[in-house]
Amino acid sequence: MTFPQALTDQFGLIAPAGYYVALRVGFSFPEEELNHLPEPWVEFYTAHGLVVQDPALRWVYGQTGAIRFSEMALPDPQQVRAQGALFGLVFGAAVSVSAAADRGRRSYGQFFRSDRDFDAGELEALLRIVTILHSGREEEPSLTNAEIEALKLQAEGLRLKQIAARLGISESAVKARLNNVKRKLGARTQSQAASIAAARRIL
């Protein structure tokens, strides 16, 4: 499968400093990969042979799940993380997905921010997206027209009571629609949901 634009848009929102995703890696090469890391870092990383020294790669080949680089208890004698920070890759997270039925194949990603560490909701969203891509399924359920309508009104600055009055429904029904939007988009907050929806051109 090709990388669905809606999902790669979410990668960019969650990891604005850059990211790399490899899908269904077998003995050595991935079936597909997506590299949105800064080109100077890619050149430096390659020229210095950091792939064999990178603790994040050791983690993704030995574990599954999602983790912040700051929580990895692995040695980094070549200071790969510190060198990455010089290229704007200050905060990192790794995701690794594999199952017994995959016969050793796995998908993984490395994601970066320059401003702050990744929060728990972002780690969950990254893991969910890489899992979707690993399985080869097309993307998550789409939003209903009712959910889009509620999200648009909220993005315009209306409060729950105003949205409820405009749509002729209860405030609890508005909350339910907006919570469904967050869940489907893998967002932790309503503002993040609005950002993801805007990136997907829903709004």
N, C-alpha and C. Protein backbone atom coordinates (compact mmCIF):
# COMPACT_ATOMS: atom_id res chain seq x y z
N MET A 1 0.84 -1.19 0.00
CA MET A 1 0.00 0.00 0.00
C MET A 1 0.88 1.23 0.00
N THR A 2 0.40 2.31 -0.56
CA THR A 2 1.12 3.57 -0.46
C THR A 2 0.74 4.22 0.87
N PHE A 3 1.54 5.18 1.30
CA PHE A 3 1.25 5.87 2.56
C PHE A 3 0.07 6.81 2.35
N PRO A 4 -1.07 6.57 3.04
CA PRO A 4 -2.21 7.47 2.89
C PRO A 4 -1.87 8.87 3.39
N GLN A 5 -2.23 9.88 2.61
CA GLN A 5 -1.91 11.26 2.95
C GLN A 5 -2.46 11.65 4.32
N ALA A 6 -3.66 11.17 4.65
CA ALA A 6 -4.28 11.53 5.93
C ALA A 6 -3.40 11.09 7.10
N LEU A 7 -2.75 9.94 6.97
CA LEU A 7 -1.92 9.44 8.07
C LEU A 7 -0.57 10.14 8.11
N THR A 8 0.01 10.41 6.96
CA THR A 8 1.29 11.11 6.97
C THR A 8 1.12 12.55 7.44
N ASP A 9 -0.04 13.13 7.18
CA ASP A 9 -0.33 14.47 7.72
C ASP A 9 -0.26 14.44 9.24
N GLN A 10 -0.78 13.37 9.84
CA GLN A 10 -0.75 13.26 11.30
C GLN A 10 0.68 13.10 11.81
N PHE A 11 1.52 12.34 11.09
CA PHE A 11 2.93 12.24 11.47
C PHE A 11 3.54 13.64 11.54
N GLY A 12 3.29 14.45 10.52
CA GLY A 12 3.87 15.79 10.47
C GLY A 12 3.40 16.69 11.59
N LEU A 13 2.14 16.54 11.99
CA LEU A 13 1.62 17.35 13.10
C LEU A 13 2.22 16.93 14.43
N ILE A 14 2.36 15.63 14.63
CA ILE A 14 2.86 15.12 15.91
C ILE A 14 4.38 15.25 16.01
N ALA A 15 5.06 15.10 14.88
CA ALA A 15 6.53 15.13 14.87
C ALA A 15 7.03 16.18 13.87
N PRO A 16 6.85 17.47 14.20
CA PRO A 16 7.17 18.52 13.23
C PRO A 16 8.66 18.66 12.89
N ALA A 17 9.56 18.13 13.72
CA ALA A 17 11.00 18.25 13.42
C ALA A 17 11.45 17.21 12.41
N GLY A 18 10.66 16.14 12.22
CA GLY A 18 11.02 15.13 11.24
C GLY A 18 10.67 13.73 11.71
N TYR A 19 10.63 12.79 10.77
CA TYR A 19 10.31 11.40 11.11
C TYR A 19 10.79 10.47 10.00
N TYR A 20 10.96 9.21 10.40
CA TYR A 20 11.31 8.15 9.45
C TYR A 20 10.46 6.94 9.80
N VAL A 21 9.81 6.35 8.78
CA VAL A 21 8.97 5.17 8.99
C VAL A 21 9.37 4.10 7.98
N ALA A 22 9.59 2.88 8.47
CA ALA A 22 9.90 1.73 7.61
C ALA A 22 8.82 0.67 7.83
N LEU A 23 8.22 0.21 6.74
CA LEU A 23 7.13 -0.75 6.84
C LEU A 23 7.56 -2.15 6.44
N ARG A 24 7.15 -3.11 7.27
CA ARG A 24 7.33 -4.53 7.00
C ARG A 24 8.77 -4.86 6.59
N VAL A 25 9.70 -4.56 7.50
CA VAL A 25 11.11 -4.83 7.27
C VAL A 25 11.35 -6.33 7.43
N GLY A 26 11.93 -6.94 6.42
CA GLY A 26 12.24 -8.35 6.48
C GLY A 26 13.66 -8.57 6.96
N PHE A 27 14.45 -9.32 6.21
CA PHE A 27 15.82 -9.62 6.61
C PHE A 27 16.66 -8.35 6.68
N SER A 28 16.47 -7.45 5.72
CA SER A 28 17.28 -6.24 5.74
C SER A 28 16.56 -4.99 5.27
N PHE A 29 15.69 -5.11 4.27
CA PHE A 29 15.09 -3.92 3.68
C PHE A 29 13.59 -3.83 3.93
N PRO A 30 13.07 -2.61 4.08
CA PRO A 30 11.62 -2.45 4.23
C PRO A 30 10.92 -2.53 2.88
N GLU A 31 9.64 -2.94 2.91
CA GLU A 31 8.83 -2.93 1.69
C GLU A 31 8.60 -1.49 1.24
N GLU A 32 8.38 -0.62 2.20
CA GLU A 32 8.16 0.81 1.93
C GLU A 32 8.80 1.62 3.04
N GLU A 33 9.23 2.82 2.71
CA GLU A 33 9.75 3.71 3.74
C GLU A 33 9.40 5.14 3.40
N LEU A 34 9.36 5.94 4.44
CA LEU A 34 9.03 7.35 4.32
C LEU A 34 10.03 8.12 5.16
N ASN A 35 10.85 8.93 4.52
CA ASN A 35 11.90 9.66 5.22
C ASN A 35 11.65 11.15 5.15
N HIS A 36 11.25 11.73 6.28
CA HIS A 36 11.04 13.16 6.38
C HIS A 36 11.99 13.74 7.42
N LEU A 37 13.20 13.21 7.48
CA LEU A 37 14.23 13.74 8.37
C LEU A 37 14.99 14.84 7.65
N PRO A 38 15.59 15.77 8.39
CA PRO A 38 16.37 16.83 7.73
C PRO A 38 17.51 16.22 6.91
N GLU A 39 17.66 16.67 5.68
CA GLU A 39 18.67 16.10 4.78
C GLU A 39 20.09 16.19 5.36
N PRO A 40 20.47 17.32 6.01
CA PRO A 40 21.82 17.36 6.58
C PRO A 40 22.05 16.27 7.64
N TRP A 41 21.01 15.95 8.41
CA TRP A 41 21.13 14.89 9.41
C TRP A 41 21.27 13.53 8.72
N VAL A 42 20.49 13.28 7.68
CA VAL A 42 20.58 12.01 6.96
C VAL A 42 21.99 11.82 6.41
N GLU A 43 22.56 12.88 5.85
CA GLU A 43 23.92 12.81 5.29
C GLU A 43 24.94 12.54 6.39
N PHE A 44 24.81 13.25 7.52
CA PHE A 44 25.74 13.08 8.63
C PHE A 44 25.62 11.67 9.21
N TYR A 45 24.40 11.22 9.43
CA TYR A 45 24.10 9.90 9.99
C TYR A 45 24.70 8.79 9.12
N THR A 46 24.53 8.95 7.80
CA THR A 46 25.04 7.96 6.85
C THR A 46 26.57 7.99 6.78
N ALA A 47 27.13 9.19 6.68
CA ALA A 47 28.58 9.33 6.53
C ALA A 47 29.33 8.78 7.74
N HIS A 48 28.74 8.89 8.93
CA HIS A 48 29.40 8.45 10.16
C HIS A 48 28.97 7.04 10.60
N GLY A 49 28.20 6.35 9.75
CA GLY A 49 27.81 4.98 10.06
C GLY A 49 27.05 4.84 11.37
N LEU A 50 26.19 5.80 11.68
CA LEU A 50 25.51 5.80 12.98
C LEU A 50 24.41 4.74 13.07
N VAL A 51 24.01 4.15 11.94
CA VAL A 51 22.94 3.16 11.97
C VAL A 51 23.29 1.99 12.89
N VAL A 52 24.56 1.60 12.93
CA VAL A 52 24.94 0.46 13.78
C VAL A 52 25.16 0.88 15.23
N GLN A 53 25.17 2.19 15.49
CA GLN A 53 25.39 2.70 16.85
C GLN A 53 24.11 3.25 17.48
N ASP A 54 23.06 3.36 16.70
CA ASP A 54 21.85 4.06 17.14
C ASP A 54 21.06 3.24 18.16
N PRO A 55 20.97 3.72 19.42
CA PRO A 55 20.21 2.97 20.43
C PRO A 55 18.72 2.84 20.08
N ALA A 56 18.17 3.79 19.36
CA ALA A 56 16.76 3.71 18.98
C ALA A 56 16.52 2.53 18.04
N LEU A 57 17.46 2.27 17.14
CA LEU A 57 17.31 1.12 16.25
C LEU A 57 17.48 -0.19 17.01
N ARG A 58 18.37 -0.21 17.98
CA ARG A 58 18.49 -1.41 18.81
C ARG A 58 17.18 -1.66 19.54
N TRP A 59 16.54 -0.59 19.99
CA TRP A 59 15.26 -0.74 20.72
C TRP A 59 14.18 -1.28 19.79
N VAL A 60 14.03 -0.71 18.58
CA VAL A 60 12.93 -1.13 17.71
C VAL A 60 13.08 -2.57 17.24
N TYR A 61 14.32 -3.07 17.18
CA TYR A 61 14.50 -4.47 16.76
C TYR A 61 14.42 -5.44 17.93
N GLY A 62 14.35 -4.92 19.15
CA GLY A 62 14.25 -5.80 20.30
C GLY A 62 12.95 -5.69 21.07
N GLN A 63 12.14 -4.69 20.75
CA GLN A 63 10.91 -4.42 21.50
C GLN A 63 9.76 -4.13 20.56
N THR A 64 8.56 -4.10 21.11
CA THR A 64 7.40 -3.56 20.39
C THR A 64 6.72 -2.54 21.29
N GLY A 65 5.98 -1.63 20.67
CA GLY A 65 5.30 -0.59 21.44
C GLY A 65 5.81 0.78 21.04
N ALA A 66 5.70 1.72 21.96
CA ALA A 66 6.14 3.10 21.72
C ALA A 66 6.86 3.61 22.96
N ILE A 67 7.92 4.39 22.75
CA ILE A 67 8.71 4.89 23.87
C ILE A 67 9.36 6.22 23.50
N ARG A 68 9.50 7.08 24.48
CA ARG A 68 10.28 8.31 24.29
C ARG A 68 11.77 7.95 24.35
N PHE A 69 12.60 8.63 23.58
CA PHE A 69 14.04 8.39 23.66
C PHE A 69 14.54 8.63 25.07
N SER A 70 13.94 9.62 25.76
CA SER A 70 14.38 9.98 27.11
C SER A 70 14.17 8.85 28.11
N GLU A 71 13.34 7.85 27.75
CA GLU A 71 13.06 6.74 28.65
C GLU A 71 13.79 5.45 28.24
N MET A 72 14.57 5.51 27.17
CA MET A 72 15.32 4.33 26.73
C MET A 72 16.53 4.11 27.63
N ALA A 73 16.61 2.93 28.22
CA ALA A 73 17.75 2.62 29.10
C ALA A 73 18.80 1.83 28.30
N LEU A 74 19.26 2.44 27.21
CA LEU A 74 20.26 1.79 26.36
C LEU A 74 21.48 2.69 26.24
N PRO A 75 22.67 2.10 26.21
CA PRO A 75 23.88 2.92 26.08
C PRO A 75 23.93 3.63 24.73
N ASP A 76 24.56 4.79 24.72
CA ASP A 76 24.70 5.58 23.49
C ASP A 76 26.13 6.12 23.43
N PRO A 77 27.12 5.22 23.30
CA PRO A 77 28.51 5.65 23.37
C PRO A 77 28.93 6.61 22.27
N GLN A 78 28.28 6.55 21.12
CA GLN A 78 28.61 7.46 20.02
C GLN A 78 27.80 8.76 20.08
N GLN A 79 27.00 8.92 21.17
CA GLN A 79 26.23 10.16 21.36
C GLN A 79 25.34 10.48 20.15
N VAL A 80 24.65 9.45 19.65
CA VAL A 80 23.78 9.64 18.49
C VAL A 80 22.68 10.66 18.81
N ARG A 81 22.10 10.54 19.99
CA ARG A 81 21.01 11.46 20.35
C ARG A 81 21.50 12.90 20.46
N ALA A 82 22.65 13.07 21.12
CA ALA A 82 23.20 14.42 21.29
C ALA A 82 23.55 15.03 19.93
N GLN A 83 24.06 14.22 19.03
CA GLN A 83 24.39 14.73 17.70
C GLN A 83 23.12 15.07 16.92
N GLY A 84 22.08 14.25 17.08
CA GLY A 84 20.82 14.55 16.42
C GLY A 84 20.23 15.88 16.88
N ALA A 85 20.42 16.18 18.17
CA ALA A 85 19.89 17.43 18.72
C ALA A 85 20.49 18.64 18.01
N LEU A 86 21.73 18.52 17.55
CA LEU A 86 22.39 19.62 16.83
C LEU A 86 21.70 19.90 15.50
N PHE A 87 20.92 18.94 15.02
CA PHE A 87 20.19 19.09 13.75
C PHE A 87 18.70 19.36 14.00
N GLY A 88 18.36 19.72 15.23
CA GLY A 88 16.97 20.04 15.57
C GLY A 88 16.15 18.87 16.07
N LEU A 89 16.78 17.69 16.17
CA LEU A 89 16.06 16.49 16.61
C LEU A 89 16.28 16.32 18.12
N VAL A 90 15.72 17.24 18.87
CA VAL A 90 16.01 17.33 20.31
C VAL A 90 15.28 16.27 21.11
N PHE A 91 14.00 16.07 20.81
CA PHE A 91 13.19 15.09 21.52
C PHE A 91 12.75 14.01 20.53
N GLY A 92 12.90 12.75 20.93
CA GLY A 92 12.57 11.67 20.01
C GLY A 92 11.64 10.64 20.61
N ALA A 93 11.01 9.88 19.73
CA ALA A 93 10.17 8.75 20.14
C ALA A 93 10.34 7.65 19.10
N ALA A 94 10.24 6.42 19.55
CA ALA A 94 10.34 5.27 18.66
C ALA A 94 9.10 4.41 18.79
N VAL A 95 8.69 3.83 17.67
CA VAL A 95 7.54 2.92 17.62
C VAL A 95 7.98 1.67 16.89
N SER A 96 7.59 0.50 17.41
CA SER A 96 7.91 -0.76 16.74
C SER A 96 6.70 -1.68 16.82
N VAL A 97 6.35 -2.29 15.67
CA VAL A 97 5.16 -3.13 15.57
C VAL A 97 5.55 -4.46 14.94
N SER A 98 5.19 -5.56 15.59
CA SER A 98 5.42 -6.89 15.04
C SER A 98 4.52 -7.87 15.78
N ALA A 99 4.18 -8.96 15.12
CA ALA A 99 3.36 -10.00 15.75
C ALA A 99 3.90 -11.35 15.33
N ALA A 100 3.53 -12.40 16.05
CA ALA A 100 4.03 -13.75 15.76
C ALA A 100 3.73 -14.15 14.31
N ALA A 101 2.56 -13.77 13.81
CA ALA A 101 2.17 -14.13 12.45
C ALA A 101 2.99 -13.41 11.38
N ASP A 102 3.73 -12.38 11.78
CA ASP A 102 4.51 -11.59 10.81
C ASP A 102 5.80 -12.27 10.40
N ARG A 103 6.15 -13.38 11.04
CA ARG A 103 7.35 -14.15 10.70
C ARG A 103 8.62 -13.29 10.70
N GLY A 104 8.77 -12.54 11.75
CA GLY A 104 9.98 -11.74 11.91
C GLY A 104 9.95 -10.38 11.26
N ARG A 105 8.96 -10.10 10.44
CA ARG A 105 8.88 -8.78 9.81
C ARG A 105 8.29 -7.79 10.80
N ARG A 106 8.81 -6.59 10.76
CA ARG A 106 8.30 -5.56 11.66
C ARG A 106 8.27 -4.22 10.95
N SER A 107 7.48 -3.31 11.47
CA SER A 107 7.45 -1.93 11.01
C SER A 107 7.86 -1.06 12.17
N TYR A 108 8.54 0.02 11.86
CA TYR A 108 8.97 0.91 12.94
C TYR A 108 9.05 2.35 12.45
N GLY A 109 9.14 3.24 13.41
CA GLY A 109 9.29 4.65 13.08
C GLY A 109 10.08 5.37 14.15
N GLN A 110 10.77 6.42 13.74
CA GLN A 110 11.42 7.34 14.66
C GLN A 110 10.84 8.72 14.39
N PHE A 111 10.49 9.43 15.46
CA PHE A 111 9.76 10.69 15.35
C PHE A 111 10.43 11.74 16.23
N PHE A 112 10.43 12.99 15.76
CA PHE A 112 11.20 14.02 16.47
C PHE A 112 10.45 15.34 16.60
N ARG A 113 10.72 15.99 17.73
CA ARG A 113 10.26 17.35 17.98
C ARG A 113 11.47 18.16 18.44
N SER A 114 11.40 19.48 18.28
CA SER A 114 12.47 20.34 18.78
C SER A 114 12.05 21.13 20.00
N ASP A 115 10.73 21.16 20.29
CA ASP A 115 10.21 22.06 21.32
C ASP A 115 9.92 21.41 22.67
N ARG A 116 9.52 20.13 22.67
CA ARG A 116 9.14 19.46 23.91
C ARG A 116 9.11 17.95 23.66
N ASP A 117 9.01 17.19 24.75
CA ASP A 117 8.92 15.74 24.61
C ASP A 117 7.51 15.34 24.18
N PHE A 118 7.38 14.14 23.68
CA PHE A 118 6.09 13.63 23.24
C PHE A 118 5.23 13.28 24.45
N ASP A 119 3.92 13.59 24.37
CA ASP A 119 3.05 13.22 25.48
C ASP A 119 2.45 11.83 25.21
N ALA A 120 1.77 11.30 26.21
CA ALA A 120 1.25 9.93 26.12
C ALA A 120 0.26 9.77 24.98
N GLY A 121 -0.57 10.77 24.76
CA GLY A 121 -1.55 10.70 23.68
C GLY A 121 -0.88 10.65 22.31
N GLU A 122 0.21 11.38 22.16
CA GLU A 122 0.94 11.38 20.89
C GLU A 122 1.61 10.03 20.65
N LEU A 123 2.18 9.45 21.71
CA LEU A 123 2.78 8.12 21.56
C LEU A 123 1.72 7.09 21.14
N GLU A 124 0.54 7.16 21.76
CA GLU A 124 -0.55 6.24 21.41
C GLU A 124 -0.96 6.42 19.95
N ALA A 125 -1.05 7.69 19.51
CA ALA A 125 -1.46 7.96 18.13
C ALA A 125 -0.42 7.44 17.14
N LEU A 126 0.87 7.65 17.43
CA LEU A 126 1.92 7.16 16.54
C LEU A 126 1.90 5.64 16.45
N LEU A 127 1.73 4.98 17.59
CA LEU A 127 1.67 3.52 17.61
C LEU A 127 0.47 3.03 16.80
N ARG A 128 -0.66 3.67 16.95
CA ARG A 128 -1.87 3.27 16.23
C ARG A 128 -1.69 3.43 14.72
N ILE A 129 -1.09 4.54 14.31
CA ILE A 129 -0.92 4.79 12.87
C ILE A 129 0.07 3.79 12.26
N VAL A 130 1.20 3.56 12.94
CA VAL A 130 2.18 2.60 12.41
C VAL A 130 1.57 1.21 12.36
N THR A 131 0.73 0.87 13.34
CA THR A 131 0.06 -0.44 13.33
C THR A 131 -0.87 -0.57 12.14
N ILE A 132 -1.61 0.49 11.83
CA ILE A 132 -2.50 0.50 10.66
C ILE A 132 -1.69 0.30 9.39
N LEU A 133 -0.59 1.03 9.27
CA LEU A 133 0.24 0.94 8.07
C LEU A 133 0.91 -0.44 7.96
N HIS A 134 1.33 -0.98 9.11
CA HIS A 134 1.97 -2.30 9.12
C HIS A 134 1.02 -3.38 8.63
N SER A 135 -0.23 -3.29 9.03
CA SER A 135 -1.21 -4.32 8.67
C SER A 135 -1.64 -4.22 7.21
N GLY A 136 -1.37 -3.07 6.60
CA GLY A 136 -1.77 -2.88 5.20
C GLY A 136 -3.21 -2.49 5.03
N ARG A 137 -3.93 -2.25 6.16
CA ARG A 137 -5.31 -1.80 6.06
C ARG A 137 -5.33 -0.34 5.65
N GLU A 138 -6.35 0.03 4.97
CA GLU A 138 -6.52 1.46 4.70
C GLU A 138 -6.86 2.15 6.01
N GLU A 139 -6.94 3.42 5.99
CA GLU A 139 -6.98 4.19 7.22
C GLU A 139 -8.23 3.97 8.06
N GLU A 140 -8.21 4.60 9.24
CA GLU A 140 -9.24 4.43 10.23
C GLU A 140 -10.61 4.92 9.76
N PRO A 141 -11.68 4.63 10.53
CA PRO A 141 -13.01 5.04 10.11
C PRO A 141 -13.11 6.54 9.84
N SER A 142 -13.86 6.90 8.82
CA SER A 142 -14.01 8.31 8.48
C SER A 142 -15.05 8.95 9.39
N LEU A 143 -15.01 10.28 9.43
CA LEU A 143 -15.97 11.02 10.26
C LEU A 143 -17.33 11.07 9.56
N THR A 144 -18.38 11.06 10.38
CA THR A 144 -19.73 11.22 9.82
C THR A 144 -19.98 12.70 9.55
N ASN A 145 -20.99 12.99 8.74
CA ASN A 145 -21.35 14.38 8.46
C ASN A 145 -21.72 15.12 9.74
N ALA A 146 -22.41 14.43 10.66
CA ALA A 146 -22.81 15.06 11.93
C ALA A 146 -21.59 15.42 12.76
N GLU A 147 -20.58 14.55 12.76
CA GLU A 147 -19.37 14.81 13.52
C GLU A 147 -18.58 15.97 12.92
N ILE A 148 -18.51 16.01 11.59
CA ILE A 148 -17.81 17.10 10.91
C ILE A 148 -18.50 18.43 11.19
N GLU A 149 -19.84 18.41 11.17
CA GLU A 149 -20.62 19.63 11.43
C GLU A 149 -20.31 20.18 12.82
N ALA A 150 -20.29 19.30 13.81
CA ALA A 150 -20.00 19.74 15.19
C ALA A 150 -18.57 20.26 15.30
N LEU A 151 -17.64 19.59 14.66
CA LEU A 151 -16.24 20.00 14.72
C LEU A 151 -16.04 21.36 14.06
N LYS A 152 -16.71 21.59 12.92
CA LYS A 152 -16.59 22.87 12.22
C LYS A 152 -17.09 24.02 13.10
N LEU A 153 -18.21 23.79 13.75
CA LEU A 153 -18.77 24.84 14.61
C LEU A 153 -17.84 25.12 15.79
N GLN A 154 -17.27 24.09 16.35
CA GLN A 154 -16.34 24.30 17.46
C GLN A 154 -15.09 25.04 16.97
N ALA A 155 -14.61 24.68 15.78
CA ALA A 155 -13.42 25.34 15.23
C ALA A 155 -13.69 26.81 14.96
N GLU A 156 -14.96 27.16 14.74
CA GLU A 156 -15.34 28.56 14.54
C GLU A 156 -15.41 29.33 15.85
N GLY A 157 -15.24 28.63 16.97
CA GLY A 157 -15.22 29.29 18.27
C GLY A 157 -16.50 29.19 19.07
N LEU A 158 -17.48 28.45 18.57
CA LEU A 158 -18.73 28.30 19.31
C LEU A 158 -18.55 27.37 20.51
N ARG A 159 -19.29 27.65 21.57
CA ARG A 159 -19.25 26.80 22.76
C ARG A 159 -20.28 25.69 22.63
N LEU A 160 -20.17 24.70 23.54
CA LEU A 160 -21.06 23.55 23.46
C LEU A 160 -22.53 23.95 23.41
N LYS A 161 -22.92 24.88 24.28
CA LYS A 161 -24.33 25.31 24.33
C LYS A 161 -24.75 25.94 23.01
N GLN A 162 -23.85 26.74 22.41
CA GLN A 162 -24.17 27.38 21.13
C GLN A 162 -24.27 26.36 20.00
N ILE A 163 -23.35 25.39 20.01
CA ILE A 163 -23.38 24.35 18.98
C ILE A 163 -24.67 23.54 19.10
N ALA A 164 -25.03 23.20 20.35
CA ALA A 164 -26.25 22.43 20.58
C ALA A 164 -27.48 23.19 20.07
N ALA A 165 -27.52 24.51 20.34
CA ALA A 165 -28.66 25.31 19.88
C ALA A 165 -28.69 25.38 18.36
N ARG A 166 -27.52 25.56 17.76
CA ARG A 166 -27.44 25.67 16.29
C ARG A 166 -27.89 24.37 15.61
N LEU A 167 -27.51 23.23 16.21
CA LEU A 167 -27.83 21.94 15.59
C LEU A 167 -29.16 21.36 16.06
N GLY A 168 -29.75 21.98 17.11
CA GLY A 168 -31.02 21.48 17.63
C GLY A 168 -30.88 20.14 18.35
N ILE A 169 -29.74 19.96 19.02
CA ILE A 169 -29.51 18.73 19.79
C ILE A 169 -29.04 19.10 21.19
N SER A 170 -28.92 18.10 22.06
CA SER A 170 -28.49 18.37 23.43
C SER A 170 -26.97 18.58 23.50
N GLU A 171 -26.53 19.21 24.59
CA GLU A 171 -25.09 19.41 24.79
C GLU A 171 -24.38 18.06 24.90
N SER A 172 -25.02 17.08 25.53
CA SER A 172 -24.39 15.76 25.67
C SER A 172 -24.21 15.11 24.30
N ALA A 173 -25.14 15.35 23.38
CA ALA A 173 -25.00 14.81 22.02
C ALA A 173 -23.83 15.48 21.30
N VAL A 174 -23.66 16.78 21.53
CA VAL A 174 -22.52 17.50 20.94
C VAL A 174 -21.22 16.92 21.48
N LYS A 175 -21.15 16.73 22.81
CA LYS A 175 -19.96 16.15 23.44
C LYS A 175 -19.64 14.78 22.85
N ALA A 176 -20.68 13.97 22.66
CA ALA A 176 -20.49 12.62 22.11
C ALA A 176 -19.90 12.69 20.71
N ARG A 177 -20.41 13.62 19.90
CA ARG A 177 -19.89 13.76 18.53
C ARG A 177 -18.42 14.19 18.55
N LEU A 178 -18.10 15.16 19.40
CA LEU A 178 -16.73 15.66 19.46
C LEU A 178 -15.77 14.62 20.04
N ASN A 179 -16.25 13.83 20.98
CA ASN A 179 -15.42 12.75 21.53
C ASN A 179 -15.15 11.68 20.47
N ASN A 180 -16.16 11.40 19.64
CA ASN A 180 -15.98 10.45 18.54
C ASN A 180 -14.92 10.96 17.55
N VAL A 181 -14.96 12.27 17.29
CA VAL A 181 -13.97 12.88 16.39
C VAL A 181 -12.56 12.66 16.95
N LYS A 182 -12.38 12.96 18.24
CA LYS A 182 -11.05 12.79 18.85
C LYS A 182 -10.59 11.34 18.75
N ARG A 183 -11.47 10.42 19.06
CA ARG A 183 -11.11 9.00 19.03
C ARG A 183 -10.71 8.56 17.62
N LYS A 184 -11.52 8.92 16.62
CA LYS A 184 -11.26 8.51 15.25
C LYS A 184 -9.98 9.11 14.68
N LEU A 185 -9.68 10.35 15.08
CA LEU A 185 -8.50 11.02 14.56
C LEU A 185 -7.25 10.74 15.40
N GLY A 186 -7.43 10.05 16.52
CA GLY A 186 -6.29 9.76 17.39
C GLY A 186 -5.79 11.00 18.09
N ALA A 187 -6.68 11.97 18.34
CA ALA A 187 -6.30 13.23 18.98
C ALA A 187 -6.56 13.17 20.48
N ARG A 188 -5.74 13.90 21.22
CA ARG A 188 -5.92 13.93 22.67
C ARG A 188 -6.81 15.08 23.10
N THR A 189 -6.78 16.17 22.36
CA THR A 189 -7.56 17.35 22.69
C THR A 189 -8.40 17.76 21.47
N GLN A 190 -9.38 18.62 21.73
CA GLN A 190 -10.22 19.10 20.62
C GLN A 190 -9.40 19.97 19.67
N SER A 191 -8.46 20.75 20.20
CA SER A 191 -7.65 21.58 19.31
C SER A 191 -6.76 20.72 18.42
N GLN A 192 -6.24 19.62 18.98
CA GLN A 192 -5.43 18.71 18.16
C GLN A 192 -6.31 18.05 17.10
N ALA A 193 -7.55 17.69 17.47
CA ALA A 193 -8.49 17.10 16.51
C ALA A 193 -8.75 18.07 15.36
N ALA A 194 -8.92 19.35 15.70
CA ALA A 194 -9.17 20.36 14.67
C ALA A 194 -7.96 20.50 13.75
N SER A 195 -6.76 20.44 14.32
CA SER A 195 -5.53 20.54 13.51
C SER A 195 -5.41 19.37 12.55
N ILE A 196 -5.68 18.17 13.06
CA ILE A 196 -5.59 16.97 12.22
C ILE A 196 -6.65 17.03 11.12
N ALA A 197 -7.87 17.45 11.49
CA ALA A 197 -8.96 17.55 10.50
C ALA A 197 -8.62 18.57 9.43
N ALA A 198 -7.98 19.68 9.84
CA ALA A 198 -7.59 20.69 8.86
C ALA A 198 -6.54 20.14 7.92
N ALA A 199 -5.58 19.38 8.48
CA ALA A 199 -4.53 18.79 7.64
C ALA A 199 -5.11 17.78 6.66
N ARG A 200 -6.18 17.09 7.08
CA ARG A 200 -6.84 16.11 6.19
C ARG A 200 -7.84 16.78 5.25
N ARG A 201 -7.93 18.12 5.33
CA ARG A 201 -8.86 18.91 4.51
C ARG A 201 -10.31 18.55 4.79
N ILE A 202 -10.58 18.15 6.03
CA ILE A 202 -11.97 17.90 6.43
C ILE A 202 -12.65 19.21 6.74
N LEU A 203 -11.87 20.15 7.31
CA LEU A 203 -12.41 21.47 7.64
C LEU A 203 -12.03 22.49 6.58
